[in-house]
N, C-alpha and C. Protein backbone atom coordinates (compact mmCIF):
# COMPACT_ATOMS: atom_id res chain seq x y z
N MET A 1 134.54 82.85 31.65
CA MET A 1 133.21 82.17 32.32
C MET A 1 132.01 83.55 31.83
N GLN A 2 130.61 83.30 31.37
CA GLN A 2 129.95 84.15 31.28
C GLN A 2 128.67 83.16 32.42
N SER A 3 127.92 84.29 32.69
CA SER A 3 126.94 83.53 33.72
C SER A 3 125.50 84.87 33.61
N THR A 4 124.38 83.82 33.66
CA THR A 4 123.41 84.80 33.53
C THR A 4 122.28 84.09 34.99
N ARG A 5 122.16 84.73 35.52
CA ARG A 5 121.43 84.47 37.33
C ARG A 5 119.93 85.31 37.14
N SER A 6 118.82 84.82 37.63
CA SER A 6 117.91 85.69 38.00
C SER A 6 117.20 84.40 39.34
N LEU A 7 116.54 85.54 39.92
CA LEU A 7 115.94 85.07 41.17
C LEU A 7 114.32 85.82 41.05
N ALA A 8 113.32 84.76 41.83
CA ALA A 8 112.01 85.23 41.90
C ALA A 8 111.61 84.81 43.39
N LEU A 9 110.62 85.80 43.63
CA LEU A 9 109.79 84.96 45.05
C LEU A 9 108.58 84.53 44.77
N PHE A 10 108.10 83.32 44.62
CA PHE A 10 106.91 83.05 43.88
C PHE A 10 105.97 83.19 44.70
N ALA A 11 106.02 83.22 46.21
CA ALA A 11 104.79 83.34 47.07
C ALA A 11 105.26 83.92 48.47
N ALA A 12 104.55 84.48 49.17
CA ALA A 12 104.42 85.21 50.23
C ALA A 12 103.40 84.95 50.75
N ILE A 13 102.89 84.19 51.73
CA ILE A 13 101.82 83.58 52.01
C ILE A 13 101.83 84.21 53.85
N ALA A 14 100.89 84.84 54.40
CA ALA A 14 100.69 85.21 55.83
C ALA A 14 99.38 84.32 56.24
N LEU A 15 99.36 83.13 57.04
CA LEU A 15 98.17 82.88 57.36
C LEU A 15 98.12 83.22 58.95
N ALA A 16 96.75 84.08 58.91
CA ALA A 16 96.84 84.51 60.60
C ALA A 16 95.67 83.34 61.20
N PRO A 17 95.80 82.32 61.99
CA PRO A 17 94.72 81.86 62.39
C PRO A 17 94.04 82.81 63.69
N PHE A 18 92.57 82.68 63.69
CA PHE A 18 91.94 83.61 64.64
C PHE A 18 90.59 82.63 65.55
N ALA A 19 90.48 83.21 66.56
CA ALA A 19 89.51 82.47 67.22
C ALA A 19 88.30 83.23 67.26
N SER A 20 87.41 83.16 66.41
CA SER A 20 85.80 83.98 66.52
C SER A 20 84.64 82.77 67.03
N ALA A 21 83.49 83.90 67.20
CA ALA A 21 82.16 83.12 67.64
C ALA A 21 81.81 81.85 66.77
N GLN A 22 82.43 81.73 65.56
CA GLN A 22 82.30 80.47 64.80
C GLN A 22 83.40 79.50 65.05
N GLY A 23 84.43 79.83 65.62
CA GLY A 23 85.32 78.88 65.96
C GLY A 23 86.88 79.11 65.50
N VAL A 24 87.62 78.76 64.95
CA VAL A 24 89.20 79.18 64.67
C VAL A 24 88.84 79.02 63.47
N SER A 25 89.38 80.32 62.53
CA SER A 25 89.17 80.57 61.41
C SER A 25 90.91 80.82 60.43
N THR A 26 91.02 81.08 59.43
CA THR A 26 92.23 81.43 58.96
C THR A 26 92.33 82.70 57.97
N ASP A 27 92.69 83.84 58.19
CA ASP A 27 93.10 84.81 57.30
C ASP A 27 94.48 84.62 56.12
N CYS A 28 94.35 84.52 54.90
CA CYS A 28 94.97 84.06 54.29
C CYS A 28 95.69 85.26 53.25
N HIS A 29 96.83 85.57 52.87
CA HIS A 29 97.10 86.72 51.97
C HIS A 29 98.03 86.09 50.98
N GLN A 30 98.41 86.39 49.89
CA GLN A 30 98.98 86.08 49.26
C GLN A 30 99.96 86.78 48.33
N ASN A 31 101.14 86.85 47.67
CA ASN A 31 101.83 87.72 46.86
C ASN A 31 103.04 87.08 45.73
N ALA A 32 103.09 87.04 44.92
CA ALA A 32 104.27 86.63 44.03
C ALA A 32 104.89 87.97 43.30
N LEU A 33 106.15 87.63 43.00
CA LEU A 33 106.95 88.39 42.39
C LEU A 33 107.81 87.78 41.32
N PRO A 34 107.95 88.40 39.90
CA PRO A 34 108.43 87.74 38.63
C PRO A 34 109.90 87.56 39.15
N TYR A 35 110.50 86.80 38.15
CA TYR A 35 111.97 86.58 38.28
C TYR A 35 112.53 87.96 37.85
N GLU A 36 113.97 88.32 38.47
CA GLU A 36 114.43 89.52 38.41
C GLU A 36 116.00 89.00 38.23
N LEU A 37 116.87 89.97 37.95
CA LEU A 37 118.22 89.78 37.48
C LEU A 37 118.95 90.09 39.06
N THR A 38 119.73 89.79 39.24
CA THR A 38 120.57 89.64 40.46
C THR A 38 120.36 91.26 40.98
N ASN A 39 120.80 91.28 42.30
CA ASN A 39 121.12 92.21 43.26
C ASN A 39 119.49 93.28 43.00
N PHE A 40 118.42 92.86 43.44
CA PHE A 40 117.60 93.36 43.44
C PHE A 40 116.66 93.38 44.69
N ALA A 41 115.92 94.25 45.45
CA ALA A 41 114.71 93.87 46.74
C ALA A 41 113.59 94.40 46.30
N ARG A 42 112.81 93.64 46.62
CA ARG A 42 111.30 94.19 46.53
C ARG A 42 110.68 93.87 47.71
N GLN A 43 109.53 95.29 48.13
CA GLN A 43 108.53 94.89 48.85
C GLN A 43 107.16 94.09 48.95
N ILE A 44 106.95 93.63 49.86
CA ILE A 44 105.34 92.97 49.62
C ILE A 44 104.63 93.25 50.70
N SER A 45 103.47 93.78 50.58
CA SER A 45 102.57 94.11 51.85
C SER A 45 101.73 92.99 52.17
N VAL A 46 101.50 93.21 53.13
CA VAL A 46 100.34 91.84 54.14
C VAL A 46 99.82 93.29 55.00
N PRO A 47 98.33 92.85 54.46
CA PRO A 47 97.25 93.39 55.63
C PRO A 47 97.29 93.89 56.81
N LYS A 48 97.28 94.68 57.80
CA LYS A 48 96.87 94.40 59.22
C LYS A 48 95.99 93.69 59.67
N PHE A 49 95.95 92.84 60.37
CA PHE A 49 94.68 92.11 60.91
C PHE A 49 93.80 92.46 61.31
N ASP A 50 92.67 92.45 60.80
CA ASP A 50 91.23 93.02 61.33
C ASP A 50 90.53 92.60 62.80
N PRO A 51 90.84 92.67 63.64
CA PRO A 51 90.23 92.80 64.81
C PRO A 51 88.89 92.64 64.96
N THR A 52 88.22 93.30 64.16
CA THR A 52 86.72 92.51 64.07
C THR A 52 86.54 91.17 63.64
N LEU A 53 87.33 90.78 63.26
CA LEU A 53 87.15 88.99 62.76
C LEU A 53 87.40 87.86 63.68
N GLY A 54 88.11 88.44 65.06
CA GLY A 54 87.61 88.02 66.42
C GLY A 54 89.23 88.01 66.78
N GLN A 55 89.67 87.17 67.73
CA GLN A 55 91.10 87.58 68.75
C GLN A 55 92.22 86.49 67.80
N LEU A 56 93.38 87.30 67.61
CA LEU A 56 94.61 86.73 66.65
C LEU A 56 95.04 85.92 67.44
N MET A 57 95.09 84.53 67.02
CA MET A 57 95.85 83.25 68.03
C MET A 57 97.38 83.13 67.48
N SER A 58 97.76 83.27 66.37
CA SER A 58 99.05 83.23 65.96
C SER A 58 99.61 84.01 64.04
N ILE A 59 100.78 83.99 63.91
CA ILE A 59 100.79 84.40 62.75
C ILE A 59 102.02 83.30 62.05
N GLU A 60 101.56 83.20 60.97
CA GLU A 60 102.58 82.01 60.44
C GLU A 60 102.94 82.27 58.94
N LEU A 61 104.09 82.59 58.83
CA LEU A 61 104.89 83.34 57.19
C LEU A 61 105.30 82.20 56.46
N ARG A 62 104.92 81.54 55.23
CA ARG A 62 105.56 80.51 54.42
C ARG A 62 106.15 81.95 53.26
N VAL A 63 107.47 81.44 52.90
CA VAL A 63 108.05 82.18 51.73
C VAL A 63 108.54 80.62 51.14
N ALA A 64 108.59 81.09 49.30
CA ALA A 64 109.03 80.00 48.48
C ALA A 64 109.82 80.98 47.64
N GLY A 65 111.18 80.61 47.34
CA GLY A 65 111.97 80.99 46.20
C GLY A 65 112.52 80.52 45.53
N ARG A 66 112.86 80.80 44.12
CA ARG A 66 113.42 79.85 43.17
C ARG A 66 114.26 80.77 42.62
N ALA A 67 115.79 80.14 42.32
CA ALA A 67 116.67 80.74 41.36
C ALA A 67 117.25 79.77 40.18
N ARG A 68 117.48 80.80 39.36
CA ARG A 68 117.99 79.75 38.31
C ARG A 68 119.24 80.76 37.40
N GLY A 69 120.24 79.88 36.89
CA GLY A 69 121.05 80.59 36.11
C GLY A 69 121.49 79.20 35.21
N ALA A 70 122.52 79.94 34.42
CA ALA A 70 123.90 79.14 33.72
C ALA A 70 125.19 79.48 33.83
N ALA A 71 125.81 78.72 33.63
CA ALA A 71 127.31 79.45 33.84
C ALA A 71 128.15 78.56 32.04
N HIS A 72 128.84 79.69 31.55
CA HIS A 72 129.18 78.72 29.62
C HIS A 72 130.72 78.72 30.30
N ILE A 73 131.42 77.84 30.06
CA ILE A 73 132.70 77.64 30.15
C ILE A 73 133.57 77.04 29.13
N GLU A 74 134.57 77.92 28.93
CA GLU A 74 135.83 77.63 27.99
C GLU A 74 137.01 77.45 28.43
N SER A 75 138.03 76.68 28.60
CA SER A 75 139.23 76.25 29.00
C SER A 75 140.08 76.80 27.68
N LEU A 76 141.22 77.56 27.86
CA LEU A 76 142.29 78.06 27.20
C LEU A 76 143.51 77.56 27.31
N ASP A 77 143.49 76.47 28.43
CA ASP A 77 144.63 76.00 28.90
C ASP A 77 144.79 74.56 27.76
N THR A 78 146.66 74.45 28.25
CA THR A 78 146.98 73.51 26.94
C THR A 78 146.71 72.38 27.37
N GLY A 79 146.76 72.09 28.57
CA GLY A 79 146.36 70.71 29.19
C GLY A 79 144.75 70.75 29.65
N PRO A 80 144.63 69.36 30.62
CA PRO A 80 142.90 69.07 30.92
C PRO A 80 142.89 69.86 32.12
N THR A 81 141.77 70.32 32.51
CA THR A 81 141.55 71.35 33.52
C THR A 81 139.97 70.95 34.09
N GLN A 82 140.44 71.16 35.39
CA GLN A 82 138.98 70.82 36.44
C GLN A 82 138.42 72.26 36.75
N VAL A 83 136.75 72.39 36.48
CA VAL A 83 136.70 73.55 36.55
C VAL A 83 135.48 73.59 37.64
N ASN A 84 135.30 74.54 38.11
CA ASN A 84 134.55 73.89 39.69
C ASN A 84 133.60 75.55 39.70
N THR A 85 132.56 75.31 39.32
CA THR A 85 131.23 76.31 39.65
C THR A 85 130.43 76.10 40.25
N ARG A 86 130.06 77.38 41.11
CA ARG A 86 129.25 77.38 42.21
C ARG A 86 128.27 78.90 42.03
N PHE A 87 127.04 78.54 41.87
CA PHE A 87 125.95 79.28 42.13
C PHE A 87 125.62 79.85 43.50
N SER A 88 125.54 80.58 44.00
CA SER A 88 124.42 81.20 45.26
C SER A 88 123.76 82.11 45.30
N VAL A 89 122.58 82.11 46.09
CA VAL A 89 122.08 83.20 46.34
C VAL A 89 121.81 83.46 47.37
N ASP A 90 121.84 85.08 48.03
CA ASP A 90 121.44 85.36 49.47
C ASP A 90 119.99 85.86 49.52
N PHE A 91 119.01 84.85 50.42
CA PHE A 91 117.92 85.33 50.48
C PHE A 91 116.96 85.60 51.79
N ALA A 92 116.26 86.72 51.58
CA ALA A 92 116.13 87.23 53.19
C ALA A 92 114.69 87.73 53.08
N VAL A 93 114.22 87.73 54.30
CA VAL A 93 112.82 88.29 54.39
C VAL A 93 112.88 89.04 55.65
N MET A 94 112.57 90.43 55.49
CA MET A 94 112.58 91.26 56.95
C MET A 94 111.30 92.02 56.79
N GLN A 95 110.98 92.27 58.07
CA GLN A 95 110.07 93.33 58.38
C GLN A 95 111.03 94.74 58.24
N GLN A 96 109.75 95.72 57.89
CA GLN A 96 110.17 97.04 58.02
C GLN A 96 111.10 97.70 59.16
N ASN A 97 111.89 98.26 59.35
CA ASN A 97 112.32 98.53 60.74
C ASN A 97 112.73 97.59 61.76
N LEU A 98 112.60 96.34 61.72
CA LEU A 98 112.80 95.25 62.27
C LEU A 98 114.07 94.45 62.09
N PRO A 99 114.60 93.35 62.69
CA PRO A 99 115.50 92.29 62.34
C PRO A 99 115.02 91.42 61.67
N MET A 100 115.77 90.67 60.83
CA MET A 100 115.48 89.60 59.52
C MET A 100 114.91 88.76 60.53
N ILE A 101 113.55 88.12 59.31
CA ILE A 101 112.82 86.96 60.00
C ILE A 101 113.64 85.95 59.74
N MET A 102 113.69 85.74 58.37
CA MET A 102 114.34 84.23 57.94
C MET A 102 115.89 84.79 56.49
N PHE A 103 116.56 83.87 56.78
CA PHE A 103 117.61 84.27 55.64
C PHE A 103 117.99 82.69 55.02
N MET A 104 118.41 82.61 53.81
CA MET A 104 118.82 81.14 53.36
C MET A 104 119.43 81.47 52.17
N VAL A 105 120.83 80.70 52.01
CA VAL A 105 121.41 80.64 50.75
C VAL A 105 121.56 79.16 50.30
N PRO A 106 120.87 78.91 49.19
CA PRO A 106 120.94 77.98 48.46
C PRO A 106 121.99 77.98 47.44
N ILE A 107 122.86 76.67 47.43
CA ILE A 107 124.38 76.69 46.48
C ILE A 107 124.18 75.49 46.06
N ALA A 108 124.54 75.94 44.74
CA ALA A 108 124.37 74.59 43.46
C ALA A 108 126.09 74.60 42.68
N ASP A 109 126.74 73.80 43.16
CA ASP A 109 128.07 73.10 42.63
C ASP A 109 127.95 72.31 41.20
N PHE A 110 129.22 72.61 40.55
CA PHE A 110 128.94 71.83 39.31
C PHE A 110 130.87 71.81 39.32
N VAL A 111 130.92 70.34 38.93
CA VAL A 111 132.44 70.19 38.54
C VAL A 111 132.48 69.60 36.84
N ASP A 112 133.76 70.45 36.12
CA ASP A 112 133.43 69.88 34.88
C ASP A 112 134.91 69.57 34.53
N PHE A 113 135.48 68.52 33.86
CA PHE A 113 136.61 67.95 33.46
C PHE A 113 136.43 68.50 32.25
N LEU A 114 137.58 69.12 31.56
CA LEU A 114 137.63 69.94 30.18
C LEU A 114 139.20 69.33 29.84
N LEU A 115 139.31 69.06 28.52
CA LEU A 115 140.28 68.67 27.65
C LEU A 115 141.11 69.99 27.53
N PRO A 116 142.50 69.79 26.85
CA PRO A 116 142.99 71.09 26.29
C PRO A 116 141.98 71.72 25.40
N PHE A 117 142.44 73.25 25.37
CA PHE A 117 141.50 73.88 24.48
C PHE A 117 141.21 73.48 22.93
N ASP A 118 140.30 73.33 22.08
CA ASP A 118 140.12 72.83 20.83
C ASP A 118 140.30 73.79 19.91
N GLY A 119 140.28 75.03 20.11
CA GLY A 119 140.56 76.02 19.12
C GLY A 119 139.42 76.95 18.77
N VAL A 120 138.34 76.60 19.21
CA VAL A 120 136.71 76.81 19.38
C VAL A 120 136.57 77.47 20.65
N ILE A 121 136.24 78.84 20.78
CA ILE A 121 135.54 79.18 22.02
C ILE A 121 134.06 79.31 21.42
N ASP A 122 133.40 78.03 21.75
CA ASP A 122 131.91 77.91 21.79
C ASP A 122 131.24 77.20 22.85
N TYR A 123 132.01 77.18 24.25
CA TYR A 123 131.40 76.66 25.18
C TYR A 123 130.56 75.08 25.27
N GLY A 124 131.59 74.98 24.15
CA GLY A 124 131.07 73.04 23.99
C GLY A 124 132.51 72.51 23.39
N GLY A 125 131.94 71.65 22.81
CA GLY A 125 133.41 70.72 22.02
C GLY A 125 133.98 69.99 23.09
N THR A 126 135.10 69.77 23.19
CA THR A 126 135.74 69.34 24.26
C THR A 126 136.49 69.72 25.37
N SER A 127 136.38 71.55 24.84
CA SER A 127 137.18 72.40 26.19
C SER A 127 135.83 73.13 26.67
N GLY A 128 135.01 72.99 26.47
CA GLY A 128 134.07 74.09 26.87
C GLY A 128 133.02 73.08 27.51
N ALA A 129 131.95 73.88 28.09
CA ALA A 129 131.40 73.31 28.83
C ALA A 129 129.99 74.47 29.04
N THR A 130 128.52 73.86 29.38
CA THR A 130 127.52 74.95 30.06
C THR A 130 127.05 74.13 30.70
N ALA A 131 127.04 74.90 32.23
CA ALA A 131 126.68 74.27 33.54
C ALA A 131 124.97 74.20 33.38
N THR A 132 124.92 72.94 33.73
CA THR A 132 123.33 72.66 33.40
C THR A 132 122.40 73.78 34.07
N THR A 133 121.53 74.11 33.84
CA THR A 133 120.60 75.03 34.36
C THR A 133 120.22 74.76 35.59
N TRP A 134 120.32 75.67 36.85
CA TRP A 134 119.93 74.88 37.68
C TRP A 134 118.53 75.89 38.60
N SER A 135 118.17 74.68 39.40
CA SER A 135 116.86 75.73 39.99
C SER A 135 116.63 75.20 41.62
N TRP A 136 116.79 75.70 42.54
CA TRP A 136 116.21 76.10 43.73
C TRP A 136 114.89 76.44 44.08
N THR A 137 114.07 75.63 45.09
CA THR A 137 113.03 76.07 45.25
C THR A 137 112.94 75.72 47.24
N SER A 138 112.22 76.04 47.85
CA SER A 138 112.42 75.94 49.77
C SER A 138 111.06 76.59 49.98
N MET A 139 110.83 76.29 50.87
CA MET A 139 110.07 76.75 51.73
C MET A 139 110.18 77.02 52.96
N LEU A 140 109.85 77.94 53.80
CA LEU A 140 110.33 77.95 55.19
C LEU A 140 109.29 78.85 56.00
N SER A 141 109.31 78.36 56.80
CA SER A 141 107.64 78.84 57.93
C SER A 141 108.71 79.29 59.12
N CYS A 142 107.66 80.77 59.68
CA CYS A 142 108.23 81.16 60.71
C CYS A 142 106.84 81.60 61.66
N VAL A 143 106.38 81.00 62.57
CA VAL A 143 105.16 81.00 63.41
C VAL A 143 105.65 81.59 64.34
N ALA A 144 104.78 82.90 65.11
CA ALA A 144 104.81 83.67 66.11
C ALA A 144 103.58 83.11 66.53
N PRO A 145 103.78 82.18 67.70
CA PRO A 145 102.63 82.61 68.45
C PRO A 145 102.58 83.12 69.81
N ASP A 146 101.26 83.30 70.70
CA ASP A 146 101.13 84.50 71.52
C ASP A 146 101.20 85.66 71.12
N VAL A 147 100.24 85.96 69.84
CA VAL A 147 100.40 87.56 69.29
C VAL A 147 99.46 88.16 70.55
N PRO A 148 100.38 89.48 70.89
CA PRO A 148 99.47 90.29 71.46
C PRO A 148 98.42 90.64 70.94
N PRO A 149 97.50 90.77 72.08
CA PRO A 149 96.14 91.45 71.52
C PRO A 149 96.22 92.96 70.75
């Protein structure tokens, strides 16, 4: 079986509502990372809240990620075969020198019923398959109320 996978962090947004003389406002910062091959770690920086804007009321972190991949399967068996293929990604958001904030593991399962080997390794025909290219998108939010001044 051959497999290709990639992962992207599409957006990391820090929303910081704060109170000022004009009422409640929001300070927003957004970053994005391109697709990468598996087994990578990247940092995204969000600037520290500027206290001259007012009093920080809370912090909300929204993270969206997408994983995509494909598996090419060929059965060399002399009889019918069921092939189970699973894609999964460990996706974590952490602060520097602090515990993990968010962790998710999206999973995509595929089941293919293949006939005996048809004599050609082409990941197609009656004895081969290509697992449907999959993608996953998820949005998680973490809100930290009562932020100390």
